[in-house]
Amino acid sequence: MGAFARPRAFAILATAALVAGGCGSADEDAVRDAIAELERALRAGDAAGVCRLYGGDQPFCRAHFGPTELRSVGFAGRIEVLEVSLDGDEATARVANVRDGRRVRGSARLRKVGDEWLLVPPGTG
């Protein structure tokens, strides 16, 4: 292998390692950003912000994320995104809610609407 071939081979291997190592796509990053925005809204008790992430004024949102419910939740944990799976305009984020050293795992479904990823309320299509 010549002196010029080694740097090229290294660059190819380094690029492959970055891709295999989980450099996310723009959509994956946007899903992670939506979950982070949800965490910020929950932490702030921002009912309108939470509802916006669920696509607006839906019965689910009114029932579960009204101002009284958000204040009573007192969200003090943090949400870790463990993995994002994309399937066209739909995504599933495996998450962990971490609070007081405990991790509760779950998942969140999201749907791309225009350029934005919005959460899909549980139990809906």
Protein backbone atom coordinates (compact mmCIF):
# COMPACT_ATOMS: atom_id res chain seq x y z
CA MET A 1 0.00 0.00 0.00
CA GLY A 2 1.48 3.34 -1.07
CA ALA A 3 1.91 6.39 1.11
CA PHE A 4 -1.15 8.06 -0.44
CA ALA A 5 -3.37 4.97 -0.15
CA ARG A 6 -3.06 4.72 3.65
CA PRO A 7 -4.64 8.10 4.46
CA ARG A 8 -7.44 7.36 1.99
CA ALA A 9 -8.06 3.92 3.53
CA PHE A 10 -8.07 5.48 7.00
CA ALA A 11 -10.58 8.13 5.90
CA ILE A 12 -12.91 5.46 4.50
CA LEU A 13 -12.68 3.39 7.69
CA ALA A 14 -13.22 6.44 9.89
CA THR A 15 -16.30 7.43 7.90
CA ALA A 16 -17.69 3.90 8.11
CA ALA A 17 -17.09 3.84 11.87
CA LEU A 18 -18.96 7.14 12.30
CA VAL A 19 -21.92 5.90 10.29
CA ALA A 20 -22.05 2.56 12.11
CA GLY A 21 -21.56 4.29 15.44
CA GLY A 22 -24.88 6.07 15.27
CA CYS A 23 -24.42 9.46 13.68
CA GLY A 24 -28.10 10.23 13.37
CA SER A 25 -30.01 11.41 10.37
CA ALA A 26 -31.72 14.78 10.35
CA ASP A 27 -35.04 13.05 11.10
CA GLU A 28 -33.55 11.10 14.01
CA ASP A 29 -32.11 14.31 15.41
CA ALA A 30 -35.50 16.02 14.99
CA VAL A 31 -37.23 13.18 16.90
CA ARG A 32 -34.70 13.52 19.72
CA ASP A 33 -35.28 17.29 19.69
CA ALA A 34 -39.07 16.77 19.97
CA ILE A 35 -38.58 14.55 23.03
CA ALA A 36 -36.23 17.14 24.56
CA GLU A 37 -38.84 19.83 23.90
CA LEU A 38 -41.47 17.65 25.61
CA GLU A 39 -39.21 17.33 28.65
CA ARG A 40 -38.70 21.11 28.79
CA ALA A 41 -42.45 21.75 28.53
CA LEU A 42 -43.25 19.16 31.22
CA ARG A 43 -40.60 20.56 33.53
CA ALA A 44 -41.95 24.10 33.05
CA GLY A 45 -45.58 23.02 33.49
CA ASP A 46 -46.26 24.45 30.02
CA ALA A 47 -49.58 22.81 29.09
CA ALA A 48 -49.79 24.68 25.77
CA GLY A 49 -46.27 23.54 24.84
CA VAL A 50 -47.04 19.91 25.68
CA CYS A 51 -50.30 20.04 23.73
CA ARG A 52 -48.60 21.60 20.72
CA LEU A 53 -46.24 18.61 20.65
CA TYR A 54 -49.31 16.35 20.55
CA GLY A 55 -50.62 18.18 17.49
CA GLY A 56 -52.87 20.71 19.17
CA ASP A 57 -56.11 20.72 21.04
CA GLN A 58 -57.07 17.04 21.09
CA PRO A 59 -59.27 15.26 23.64
CA PHE A 60 -56.20 13.36 24.92
CA CYS A 61 -54.34 16.58 25.53
CA ARG A 62 -57.23 18.31 27.28
CA ALA A 63 -57.75 15.28 29.52
CA HIS A 64 -54.11 14.64 30.47
CA PHE A 65 -52.17 17.85 30.06
CA GLY A 66 -54.36 20.65 31.32
CA PRO A 67 -52.73 23.28 33.56
CA THR A 68 -53.94 21.62 36.77
CA GLU A 69 -52.58 18.21 35.79
CA LEU A 70 -49.18 19.62 34.80
CA ARG A 71 -48.80 21.48 38.07
CA SER A 72 -49.69 18.36 40.03
CA VAL A 73 -47.21 16.21 38.12
CA GLY A 74 -44.24 18.28 39.24
CA PHE A 75 -42.03 16.66 36.62
CA ALA A 76 -38.54 16.56 38.09
CA GLY A 77 -36.99 13.66 36.21
CA ARG A 78 -35.32 13.65 32.86
CA ILE A 79 -36.11 11.79 29.69
CA GLU A 80 -33.31 9.87 27.99
CA VAL A 81 -33.77 8.81 24.39
CA LEU A 82 -32.26 5.34 24.15
CA GLU A 83 -33.01 4.58 20.50
CA VAL A 84 -34.94 6.01 17.57
CA SER A 85 -36.47 3.82 14.86
CA LEU A 86 -37.69 5.55 11.72
CA ASP A 87 -40.21 4.18 9.21
CA GLY A 88 -41.00 6.85 6.67
CA ASP A 89 -43.02 9.58 8.38
CA GLU A 90 -43.40 7.56 11.58
CA ALA A 91 -40.93 7.00 14.39
CA THR A 92 -40.68 5.17 17.66
CA ALA A 93 -38.40 6.49 20.38
CA ARG A 94 -37.41 4.09 23.16
CA VAL A 95 -37.04 6.29 26.21
CA ALA A 96 -36.22 6.10 29.90
CA ASN A 97 -37.67 8.44 32.48
CA VAL A 98 -34.92 8.88 35.06
CA ARG A 99 -35.85 10.17 38.49
CA ASP A 100 -34.26 9.65 41.90
CA GLY A 101 -31.83 7.13 40.44
CA ARG A 102 -34.62 4.97 38.99
CA ARG A 103 -35.17 4.36 35.28
CA VAL A 104 -38.60 3.60 33.93
CA ARG A 105 -38.47 2.55 30.29
CA GLY A 106 -41.14 3.13 27.73
CA SER A 107 -41.64 4.30 24.20
CA ALA A 108 -43.12 7.24 22.36
CA ARG A 109 -44.59 7.21 18.88
CA LEU A 110 -44.15 10.23 16.66
CA ARG A 111 -45.44 11.23 13.24
CA LYS A 112 -43.90 13.73 10.85
CA VAL A 113 -46.32 16.50 9.94
CA GLY A 114 -44.77 18.84 7.41
CA ASP A 115 -41.24 19.37 8.68
CA GLU A 116 -42.10 18.74 12.33
CA TRP A 117 -42.18 15.55 14.40
CA LEU A 118 -45.22 15.41 16.70
CA LEU A 119 -46.11 12.90 19.39
CA VAL A 120 -48.92 10.44 18.77
CA PRO A 121 -51.23 10.11 21.78
CA PRO A 122 -51.26 6.59 23.25
CA GLY A 123 -54.10 4.44 21.98
CA THR A 124 -54.54 6.36 18.74
CA GLY A 125 -53.56 5.42 15.19
